[in-house]
Every structure is written in structure tokens, then in C-alpha cells.
Amino acid sequence: GLVQAGGSLKLSCAASGSGFNIHAMNW
């Protein structure tokens, strides 16, 4: 979203599906 300098945001990444094992996650 839009935020002013000095502010904060929290991003989320949701993984879905089946038959997998996640090792590393990156932004």
C-alpha cells in the first residue's frame, strides 16, 4: 500500500497447494 516515509508495513506471503515441502522463502 501507500505509506509515508518513516512509517511501517507488514507484508504476508501465503503458500497453498499440496504435495510439497518448502525449504527457503524469500522476499
mmCIF file of all heavy atoms, coordinates in Angstrom:
data_MODEL
# 
_entry.id   MODEL 
# 
loop_
_atom_site.group_PDB 
_atom_site.id 
_atom_site.type_symbol 
_atom_site.label_atom_id 
_atom_site.label_alt_id 
_atom_site.label_comp_id 
_atom_site.label_asym_id 
_atom_site.label_entity_id 
_atom_site.label_seq_id 
_atom_site.pdbx_PDB_ins_code 
_atom_site.Cartn_x 
_atom_site.Cartn_y 
_atom_site.Cartn_z 
_atom_site.occupancy 
_atom_site.B_iso_or_equiv 
_atom_site.pdbx_formal_charge 
_atom_site.auth_seq_id 
_atom_site.auth_comp_id 
_atom_site.auth_asym_id 
_atom_site.auth_atom_id 
_atom_site.pdbx_PDB_model_num 
ATOM 1   N N   . GLY A 1 1  ? 0.813  -1.196  0.000  1.00 0.00 ? 1  GLY A N   1 
ATOM 2   C CA  . GLY A 1 1  ? 0.000  0.000   0.000  1.00 0.00 ? 1  GLY A CA  1 
ATOM 3   C C   . GLY A 1 1  ? 0.847  1.246   0.000  1.00 0.00 ? 1  GLY A C   1 
ATOM 4   O O   . GLY A 1 1  ? 2.046  1.208   -0.286 1.00 0.00 ? 1  GLY A O   1 
ATOM 5   N N   . LEU A 1 2  ? 0.214  2.359   0.321  1.00 0.00 ? 2  LEU A N   1 
ATOM 6   C CA  . LEU A 1 2  ? 0.867  3.664   0.372  1.00 0.00 ? 2  LEU A CA  1 
ATOM 7   C C   . LEU A 1 2  ? 1.149  4.028   1.817  1.00 0.00 ? 2  LEU A C   1 
ATOM 8   O O   . LEU A 1 2  ? 0.259  3.954   2.673  1.00 0.00 ? 2  LEU A O   1 
ATOM 9   C CB  . LEU A 1 2  ? -0.020 4.722   -0.283 1.00 0.00 ? 2  LEU A CB  1 
ATOM 10  C CG  . LEU A 1 2  ? 0.459  6.165   -0.218 1.00 0.00 ? 2  LEU A CG  1 
ATOM 11  C CD1 . LEU A 1 2  ? 1.764  6.336   -0.981 1.00 0.00 ? 2  LEU A CD1 1 
ATOM 12  C CD2 . LEU A 1 2  ? -0.607 7.101   -0.759 1.00 0.00 ? 2  LEU A CD2 1 
ATOM 13  N N   . VAL A 1 3  ? 2.380  4.432   2.083  1.00 0.00 ? 3  VAL A N   1 
ATOM 14  C CA  . VAL A 1 3  ? 2.778  4.807   3.431  1.00 0.00 ? 3  VAL A CA  1 
ATOM 15  C C   . VAL A 1 3  ? 3.748  5.983   3.347  1.00 0.00 ? 3  VAL A C   1 
ATOM 16  O O   . VAL A 1 3  ? 4.485  6.127   2.367  1.00 0.00 ? 3  VAL A O   1 
ATOM 17  C CB  . VAL A 1 3  ? 3.413  3.616   4.171  1.00 0.00 ? 3  VAL A CB  1 
ATOM 18  C CG1 . VAL A 1 3  ? 4.717  3.193   3.508  1.00 0.00 ? 3  VAL A CG1 1 
ATOM 19  C CG2 . VAL A 1 3  ? 3.625  3.923   5.642  1.00 0.00 ? 3  VAL A CG2 1 
ATOM 20  N N   . GLN A 1 4  ? 3.728  6.832   4.359  1.00 0.00 ? 4  GLN A N   1 
ATOM 21  C CA  . GLN A 1 4  ? 4.657  7.950   4.407  1.00 0.00 ? 4  GLN A CA  1 
ATOM 22  C C   . GLN A 1 4  ? 6.026  7.496   4.887  1.00 0.00 ? 4  GLN A C   1 
ATOM 23  O O   . GLN A 1 4  ? 6.157  6.495   5.598  1.00 0.00 ? 4  GLN A O   1 
ATOM 24  C CB  . GLN A 1 4  ? 4.131  9.048   5.333  1.00 0.00 ? 4  GLN A CB  1 
ATOM 25  C CG  . GLN A 1 4  ? 2.903  9.761   4.812  1.00 0.00 ? 4  GLN A CG  1 
ATOM 26  C CD  . GLN A 1 4  ? 2.497  10.941  5.675  1.00 0.00 ? 4  GLN A CD  1 
ATOM 27  O OE1 . GLN A 1 4  ? 3.142  11.255  6.674  1.00 0.00 ? 4  GLN A OE1 1 
ATOM 28  N NE2 . GLN A 1 4  ? 1.436  11.605  5.283  1.00 0.00 ? 4  GLN A NE2 1 
ATOM 29  N N   . ALA A 1 5  ? 7.052  8.231   4.476  1.00 0.00 ? 5  ALA A N   1 
ATOM 30  C CA  . ALA A 1 5  ? 8.404  7.937   4.934  1.00 0.00 ? 5  ALA A CA  1 
ATOM 31  C C   . ALA A 1 5  ? 8.452  7.896   6.453  1.00 0.00 ? 5  ALA A C   1 
ATOM 32  O O   . ALA A 1 5  ? 7.861  8.743   7.130  1.00 0.00 ? 5  ALA A O   1 
ATOM 33  C CB  . ALA A 1 5  ? 9.387  8.968   4.393  1.00 0.00 ? 5  ALA A CB  1 
ATOM 34  N N   . GLY A 1 6  ? 9.162  6.901   6.971  1.00 0.00 ? 6  GLY A N   1 
ATOM 35  C CA  . GLY A 1 6  ? 9.239  6.700   8.405  1.00 0.00 ? 6  GLY A CA  1 
ATOM 36  C C   . GLY A 1 6  ? 8.191  5.759   8.951  1.00 0.00 ? 6  GLY A C   1 
ATOM 37  O O   . GLY A 1 6  ? 8.295  5.330   10.111 1.00 0.00 ? 6  GLY A O   1 
ATOM 38  N N   . GLY A 1 7  ? 7.210  5.412   8.135  1.00 0.00 ? 7  GLY A N   1 
ATOM 39  C CA  . GLY A 1 7  ? 6.151  4.525   8.565  1.00 0.00 ? 7  GLY A CA  1 
ATOM 40  C C   . GLY A 1 7  ? 6.510  3.066   8.419  1.00 0.00 ? 7  GLY A C   1 
ATOM 41  O O   . GLY A 1 7  ? 7.645  2.714   8.065  1.00 0.00 ? 7  GLY A O   1 
ATOM 42  N N   . SER A 1 8  ? 5.517  2.204   8.668  1.00 0.00 ? 8  SER A N   1 
ATOM 43  C CA  . SER A 1 8  ? 5.732  0.764   8.661  1.00 0.00 ? 8  SER A CA  1 
ATOM 44  C C   . SER A 1 8  ? 4.648  0.055   7.875  1.00 0.00 ? 8  SER A C   1 
ATOM 45  O O   . SER A 1 8  ? 3.508  0.531   7.769  1.00 0.00 ? 8  SER A O   1 
ATOM 46  C CB  . SER A 1 8  ? 5.741  0.210   10.094 1.00 0.00 ? 8  SER A CB  1 
ATOM 47  O OG  . SER A 1 8  ? 6.779  0.769   10.863 1.00 0.00 ? 8  SER A OG  1 
ATOM 48  N N   . LEU A 1 9  ? 5.002  -1.090  7.319  1.00 0.00 ? 9  LEU A N   1 
ATOM 49  C CA  . LEU A 1 9  ? 4.078  -2.000  6.666  1.00 0.00 ? 9  LEU A CA  1 
ATOM 50  C C   . LEU A 1 9  ? 4.518  -3.422  6.970  1.00 0.00 ? 9  LEU A C   1 
ATOM 51  O O   . LEU A 1 9  ? 5.709  -3.678  7.177  1.00 0.00 ? 9  LEU A O   1 
ATOM 52  C CB  . LEU A 1 9  ? 4.045  -1.806  5.154  1.00 0.00 ? 9  LEU A CB  1 
ATOM 53  C CG  . LEU A 1 9  ? 3.279  -0.626  4.573  1.00 0.00 ? 9  LEU A CG  1 
ATOM 54  C CD1 . LEU A 1 9  ? 3.504  -0.567  3.062  1.00 0.00 ? 9  LEU A CD1 1 
ATOM 55  C CD2 . LEU A 1 9  ? 1.796  -0.731  4.868  1.00 0.00 ? 9  LEU A CD2 1 
ATOM 56  N N   . LYS A 1 10 ? 3.552  -4.337  6.968  1.00 0.00 ? 10 LYS A N   1 
ATOM 57  C CA  . LYS A 1 10 ? 3.858  -5.753  7.120  1.00 0.00 ? 10 LYS A CA  1 
ATOM 58  C C   . LYS A 1 10 ? 3.263  -6.512  5.939  1.00 0.00 ? 10 LYS A C   1 
ATOM 59  O O   . LYS A 1 10 ? 2.053  -6.493  5.735  1.00 0.00 ? 10 LYS A O   1 
ATOM 60  C CB  . LYS A 1 10 ? 3.304  -6.306  8.432  1.00 0.00 ? 10 LYS A CB  1 
ATOM 61  C CG  . LYS A 1 10 ? 3.756  -7.737  8.719  1.00 0.00 ? 10 LYS A CG  1 
ATOM 62  C CD  . LYS A 1 10 ? 3.302  -8.210  10.093 1.00 0.00 ? 10 LYS A CD  1 
ATOM 63  C CE  . LYS A 1 10 ? 3.823  -9.599  10.403 1.00 0.00 ? 10 LYS A CE  1 
ATOM 64  N NZ  . LYS A 1 10 ? 3.417  -10.042 11.772 1.00 0.00 ? 10 LYS A NZ  1 
ATOM 65  N N   . LEU A 1 11 ? 4.123  -7.167  5.177  1.00 0.00 ? 11 LEU A N   1 
ATOM 66  C CA  . LEU A 1 11 ? 3.712  -7.959  4.040  1.00 0.00 ? 11 LEU A CA  1 
ATOM 67  C C   . LEU A 1 11 ? 3.548  -9.416  4.444  1.00 0.00 ? 11 LEU A C   1 
ATOM 68  O O   . LEU A 1 11 ? 4.265  -9.915  5.315  1.00 0.00 ? 11 LEU A O   1 
ATOM 69  C CB  . LEU A 1 11 ? 4.735  -7.870  2.910  1.00 0.00 ? 11 LEU A CB  1 
ATOM 70  C CG  . LEU A 1 11 ? 5.138  -6.473  2.435  1.00 0.00 ? 11 LEU A CG  1 
ATOM 71  C CD1 . LEU A 1 11 ? 6.114  -6.583  1.273  1.00 0.00 ? 11 LEU A CD1 1 
ATOM 72  C CD2 . LEU A 1 11 ? 3.918  -5.653  2.051  1.00 0.00 ? 11 LEU A CD2 1 
ATOM 73  N N   . SER A 1 12 ? 2.610  -10.089 3.790  1.00 0.00 ? 12 SER A N   1 
ATOM 74  C CA  . SER A 1 12 ? 2.382  -11.509 4.015  1.00 0.00 ? 12 SER A CA  1 
ATOM 75  C C   . SER A 1 12 ? 2.483  -12.259 2.699  1.00 0.00 ? 12 SER A C   1 
ATOM 76  O O   . SER A 1 12 ? 2.123  -11.737 1.641  1.00 0.00 ? 12 SER A O   1 
ATOM 77  C CB  . SER A 1 12 ? 1.001  -11.760 4.629  1.00 0.00 ? 12 SER A CB  1 
ATOM 78  O OG  . SER A 1 12 ? 0.865  -11.134 5.885  1.00 0.00 ? 12 SER A OG  1 
ATOM 79  N N   . CYS A 1 13 ? 2.966  -13.485 2.766  1.00 0.00 ? 13 CYS A N   1 
ATOM 80  C CA  . CYS A 1 13 ? 3.036  -14.370 1.611  1.00 0.00 ? 13 CYS A CA  1 
ATOM 81  C C   . CYS A 1 13 ? 2.486  -15.720 2.032  1.00 0.00 ? 13 CYS A C   1 
ATOM 82  O O   . CYS A 1 13 ? 3.108  -16.422 2.842  1.00 0.00 ? 13 CYS A O   1 
ATOM 83  C CB  . CYS A 1 13 ? 4.472  -14.511 1.115  1.00 0.00 ? 13 CYS A CB  1 
ATOM 84  S SG  . CYS A 1 13 ? 4.677  -15.762 -0.176 1.00 0.00 ? 13 CYS A SG  1 
ATOM 85  N N   . ALA A 1 14 ? 1.339  -16.082 1.489  1.00 0.00 ? 14 ALA A N   1 
ATOM 86  C CA  . ALA A 1 14 ? 0.683  -17.334 1.822  1.00 0.00 ? 14 ALA A CA  1 
ATOM 87  C C   . ALA A 1 14 ? 0.911  -18.352 0.713  1.00 0.00 ? 14 ALA A C   1 
ATOM 88  O O   . ALA A 1 14 ? 0.611  -18.087 -0.453 1.00 0.00 ? 14 ALA A O   1 
ATOM 89  C CB  . ALA A 1 14 ? -0.807 -17.115 2.041  1.00 0.00 ? 14 ALA A CB  1 
ATOM 90  N N   . ALA A 1 15 ? 1.433  -19.510 1.076  1.00 0.00 ? 15 ALA A N   1 
ATOM 91  C CA  . ALA A 1 15 ? 1.650  -20.603 0.136  1.00 0.00 ? 15 ALA A CA  1 
ATOM 92  C C   . ALA A 1 15 ? 0.514  -21.597 0.225  1.00 0.00 ? 15 ALA A C   1 
ATOM 93  O O   . ALA A 1 15 ? 0.084  -21.969 1.318  1.00 0.00 ? 15 ALA A O   1 
ATOM 94  C CB  . ALA A 1 15 ? 2.976  -21.301 0.423  1.00 0.00 ? 15 ALA A CB  1 
ATOM 95  N N   . SER A 1 16 ? 0.028  -22.024 -0.927 1.00 0.00 ? 16 SER A N   1 
ATOM 96  C CA  . SER A 1 16 ? -1.047 -23.005 -0.965 1.00 0.00 ? 16 SER A CA  1 
ATOM 97  C C   . SER A 1 16 ? -0.750 -24.060 -2.021 1.00 0.00 ? 16 SER A C   1 
ATOM 98  O O   . SER A 1 16 ? 0.117  -23.882 -2.879 1.00 0.00 ? 16 SER A O   1 
ATOM 99  C CB  . SER A 1 16 ? -2.395 -22.347 -1.237 1.00 0.00 ? 16 SER A CB  1 
ATOM 100 O OG  . SER A 1 16 ? -2.405 -21.710 -2.508 1.00 0.00 ? 16 SER A OG  1 
ATOM 101 N N   . GLY A 1 17 ? -1.474 -25.150 -1.965 1.00 0.00 ? 17 GLY A N   1 
ATOM 102 C CA  . GLY A 1 17 ? -1.273 -26.272 -2.852 1.00 0.00 ? 17 GLY A CA  1 
ATOM 103 C C   . GLY A 1 17 ? -1.118 -27.532 -2.031 1.00 0.00 ? 17 GLY A C   1 
ATOM 104 O O   . GLY A 1 17 ? -1.469 -27.573 -0.852 1.00 0.00 ? 17 GLY A O   1 
ATOM 105 N N   . SER A 1 18 ? -0.586 -28.559 -2.654 1.00 0.00 ? 18 SER A N   1 
ATOM 106 C CA  . SER A 1 18 ? -0.398 -29.820 -1.961 1.00 0.00 ? 18 SER A CA  1 
ATOM 107 C C   . SER A 1 18 ? 0.797  -30.558 -2.534 1.00 0.00 ? 18 SER A C   1 
ATOM 108 O O   . SER A 1 18 ? 1.254  -30.275 -3.642 1.00 0.00 ? 18 SER A O   1 
ATOM 109 C CB  . SER A 1 18 ? -1.658 -30.695 -2.071 1.00 0.00 ? 18 SER A CB  1 
ATOM 110 O OG  . SER A 1 18 ? -1.944 -31.009 -3.426 1.00 0.00 ? 18 SER A OG  1 
ATOM 111 N N   . GLY A 1 19 ? 1.303  -31.489 -1.757 1.00 0.00 ? 19 GLY A N   1 
ATOM 112 C CA  . GLY A 1 19 ? 2.383  -32.338 -2.217 1.00 0.00 ? 19 GLY A CA  1 
ATOM 113 C C   . GLY A 1 19 ? 3.735  -31.653 -2.294 1.00 0.00 ? 19 GLY A C   1 
ATOM 114 O O   . GLY A 1 19 ? 4.526  -31.963 -3.184 1.00 0.00 ? 19 GLY A O   1 
ATOM 115 N N   . PHE A 1 20 ? 4.009  -30.730 -1.377 1.00 0.00 ? 20 PHE A N   1 
ATOM 116 C CA  . PHE A 1 20 ? 5.288  -30.032 -1.393 1.00 0.00 ? 20 PHE A CA  1 
ATOM 117 C C   . PHE A 1 20 ? 5.783  -29.764 0.012  1.00 0.00 ? 20 PHE A C   1 
ATOM 118 O O   . PHE A 1 20 ? 4.997  -29.725 0.963  1.00 0.00 ? 20 PHE A O   1 
ATOM 119 C CB  . PHE A 1 20 ? 5.174  -28.704 -2.160 1.00 0.00 ? 20 PHE A CB  1 
ATOM 120 C CG  . PHE A 1 20 ? 4.274  -27.702 -1.501 1.00 0.00 ? 20 PHE A CG  1 
ATOM 121 C CD1 . PHE A 1 20 ? 4.774  -26.802 -0.574 1.00 0.00 ? 20 PHE A CD1 1 
ATOM 122 C CD2 . PHE A 1 20 ? 2.925  -27.648 -1.806 1.00 0.00 ? 20 PHE A CD2 1 
ATOM 123 C CE1 . PHE A 1 20 ? 3.954  -25.869 0.043  1.00 0.00 ? 20 PHE A CE1 1 
ATOM 124 C CE2 . PHE A 1 20 ? 2.086  -26.730 -1.203 1.00 0.00 ? 20 PHE A CE2 1 
ATOM 125 C CZ  . PHE A 1 20 ? 2.604  -25.841 -0.270 1.00 0.00 ? 20 PHE A CZ  1 
ATOM 126 N N   . ASN A 1 21 ? 7.090  -29.575 0.120  1.00 0.00 ? 21 ASN A N   1 
ATOM 127 C CA  . ASN A 1 21 ? 7.734  -29.125 1.343  1.00 0.00 ? 21 ASN A CA  1 
ATOM 128 C C   . ASN A 1 21 ? 8.582  -27.912 1.000  1.00 0.00 ? 21 ASN A C   1 
ATOM 129 O O   . ASN A 1 21 ? 9.509  -28.010 0.194  1.00 0.00 ? 21 ASN A O   1 
ATOM 130 C CB  . ASN A 1 21 ? 8.613  -30.213 1.953  1.00 0.00 ? 21 ASN A CB  1 
ATOM 131 C CG  . ASN A 1 21 ? 7.817  -31.318 2.614  1.00 0.00 ? 21 ASN A CG  1 
ATOM 132 O OD1 . ASN A 1 21 ? 6.786  -31.072 3.225  1.00 0.00 ? 21 ASN A OD1 1 
ATOM 133 N ND2 . ASN A 1 21 ? 8.304  -32.543 2.496  1.00 0.00 ? 21 ASN A ND2 1 
ATOM 134 N N   . ILE A 1 22 ? 8.262  -26.783 1.593  1.00 0.00 ? 22 ILE A N   1 
ATOM 135 C CA  . ILE A 1 22 ? 9.011  -25.561 1.342  1.00 0.00 ? 22 ILE A CA  1 
ATOM 136 C C   . ILE A 1 22 ? 10.289 -25.551 2.167  1.00 0.00 ? 22 ILE A C   1 
ATOM 137 O O   . ILE A 1 22 ? 10.270 -25.842 3.362  1.00 0.00 ? 22 ILE A O   1 
ATOM 138 C CB  . ILE A 1 22 ? 8.157  -24.324 1.649  1.00 0.00 ? 22 ILE A CB  1 
ATOM 139 C CG1 . ILE A 1 22 ? 7.002  -24.227 0.659  1.00 0.00 ? 22 ILE A CG1 1 
ATOM 140 C CG2 . ILE A 1 22 ? 9.008  -23.056 1.605  1.00 0.00 ? 22 ILE A CG2 1 
ATOM 141 C CD1 . ILE A 1 22 ? 6.067  -23.072 0.913  1.00 0.00 ? 22 ILE A CD1 1 
ATOM 142 N N   . HIS A 1 23 ? 11.393 -25.210 1.515  1.00 0.00 ? 23 HIS A N   1 
ATOM 143 C CA  . HIS A 1 23 ? 12.670 -25.079 2.206  1.00 0.00 ? 23 HIS A CA  1 
ATOM 144 C C   . HIS A 1 23 ? 12.938 -23.624 2.559  1.00 0.00 ? 23 HIS A C   1 
ATOM 145 O O   . HIS A 1 23 ? 12.844 -23.234 3.715  1.00 0.00 ? 23 HIS A O   1 
ATOM 146 C CB  . HIS A 1 23 ? 13.791 -25.661 1.348  1.00 0.00 ? 23 HIS A CB  1 
ATOM 147 C CG  . HIS A 1 23 ? 13.770 -27.155 1.297  1.00 0.00 ? 23 HIS A CG  1 
ATOM 148 N ND1 . HIS A 1 23 ? 14.804 -27.887 0.758  1.00 0.00 ? 23 HIS A ND1 1 
ATOM 149 C CD2 . HIS A 1 23 ? 12.857 -28.057 1.725  1.00 0.00 ? 23 HIS A CD2 1 
ATOM 150 C CE1 . HIS A 1 23 ? 14.517 -29.176 0.861  1.00 0.00 ? 23 HIS A CE1 1 
ATOM 151 N NE2 . HIS A 1 23 ? 13.341 -29.308 1.433  1.00 0.00 ? 23 HIS A NE2 1 
ATOM 152 N N   . ALA A 1 24 ? 13.254 -22.803 1.566  1.00 0.00 ? 24 ALA A N   1 
ATOM 153 C CA  . ALA A 1 24 ? 13.547 -21.400 1.806  1.00 0.00 ? 24 ALA A CA  1 
ATOM 154 C C   . ALA A 1 24 ? 12.422 -20.517 1.302  1.00 0.00 ? 24 ALA A C   1 
ATOM 155 O O   . ALA A 1 24 ? 11.740 -20.846 0.329  1.00 0.00 ? 24 ALA A O   1 
ATOM 156 C CB  . ALA A 1 24 ? 14.853 -20.995 1.130  1.00 0.00 ? 24 ALA A CB  1 
ATOM 157 N N   . MET A 1 25 ? 12.213 -19.390 1.964  1.00 0.00 ? 25 MET A N   1 
ATOM 158 C CA  . MET A 1 25 ? 11.285 -18.375 1.496  1.00 0.00 ? 25 MET A CA  1 
ATOM 159 C C   . MET A 1 25 ? 12.019 -17.047 1.477  1.00 0.00 ? 25 MET A C   1 
ATOM 160 O O   . MET A 1 25 ? 12.798 -16.751 2.377  1.00 0.00 ? 25 MET A O   1 
ATOM 161 C CB  . MET A 1 25 ? 10.033 -18.300 2.365  1.00 0.00 ? 25 MET A CB  1 
ATOM 162 C CG  . MET A 1 25 ? 9.228  -19.588 2.368  1.00 0.00 ? 25 MET A CG  1 
ATOM 163 S SD  . MET A 1 25 ? 7.567  -19.437 3.080  1.00 0.00 ? 25 MET A SD  1 
ATOM 164 C CE  . MET A 1 25 ? 6.696  -18.595 1.755  1.00 0.00 ? 25 MET A CE  1 
ATOM 165 N N   . ASN A 1 26 ? 11.757 -16.279 0.431  1.00 0.00 ? 26 ASN A N   1 
ATOM 166 C CA  . ASN A 1 26 ? 12.480 -15.032 0.209  1.00 0.00 ? 26 ASN A CA  1 
ATOM 167 C C   . ASN A 1 26 ? 11.529 -13.937 -0.226 1.00 0.00 ? 26 ASN A C   1 
ATOM 168 O O   . ASN A 1 26 ? 10.471 -14.197 -0.802 1.00 0.00 ? 26 ASN A O   1 
ATOM 169 C CB  . ASN A 1 26 ? 13.549 -15.197 -0.881 1.00 0.00 ? 26 ASN A CB  1 
ATOM 170 C CG  . ASN A 1 26 ? 14.472 -16.363 -0.634 1.00 0.00 ? 26 ASN A CG  1 
ATOM 171 O OD1 . ASN A 1 26 ? 15.305 -16.323 0.269  1.00 0.00 ? 26 ASN A OD1 1 
ATOM 172 N ND2 . ASN A 1 26 ? 14.333 -17.421 -1.433 1.00 0.00 ? 26 ASN A ND2 1 
ATOM 173 N N   . TRP A 1 27 ? 11.933 -12.709 0.051  1.00 0.00 ? 27 TRP A N   1 
ATOM 174 C CA  . TRP A 1 27 ? 11.274 -11.528 -0.489 1.00 0.00 ? 27 TRP A CA  1 
ATOM 175 C C   . TRP A 1 27 ? 12.233 -10.819 -1.434 1.00 0.00 ? 27 TRP A C   1 
ATOM 176 O O   . TRP A 1 27 ? 13.373 -10.529 -1.065 1.00 0.00 ? 27 TRP A O   1 
ATOM 177 C CB  . TRP A 1 27 ? 10.846 -10.565 0.616  1.00 0.00 ? 27 TRP A CB  1 
ATOM 178 C CG  . TRP A 1 27 ? 9.650  -11.018 1.382  1.00 0.00 ? 27 TRP A CG  1 
ATOM 179 C CD1 . TRP A 1 27 ? 9.629  -11.653 2.578  1.00 0.00 ? 27 TRP A CD1 1 
ATOM 180 C CD2 . TRP A 1 27 ? 8.281  -10.840 0.990  1.00 0.00 ? 27 TRP A CD2 1 
ATOM 181 N NE1 . TRP A 1 27 ? 8.337  -11.896 2.971  1.00 0.00 ? 27 TRP A NE1 1 
ATOM 182 C CE2 . TRP A 1 27 ? 7.489  -11.406 2.011  1.00 0.00 ? 27 TRP A CE2 1 
ATOM 183 C CE3 . TRP A 1 27 ? 7.649  -10.261 -0.115 1.00 0.00 ? 27 TRP A CE3 1 
ATOM 184 C CZ2 . TRP A 1 27 ? 6.093  -11.413 1.958  1.00 0.00 ? 27 TRP A CZ2 1 
ATOM 185 C CZ3 . TRP A 1 27 ? 6.266  -10.270 -0.166 1.00 0.00 ? 27 TRP A CZ3 1 
ATOM 186 C CH2 . TRP A 1 27 ? 5.506  -10.840 0.857  1.00 0.00 ? 27 TRP A CH2 1 
# 
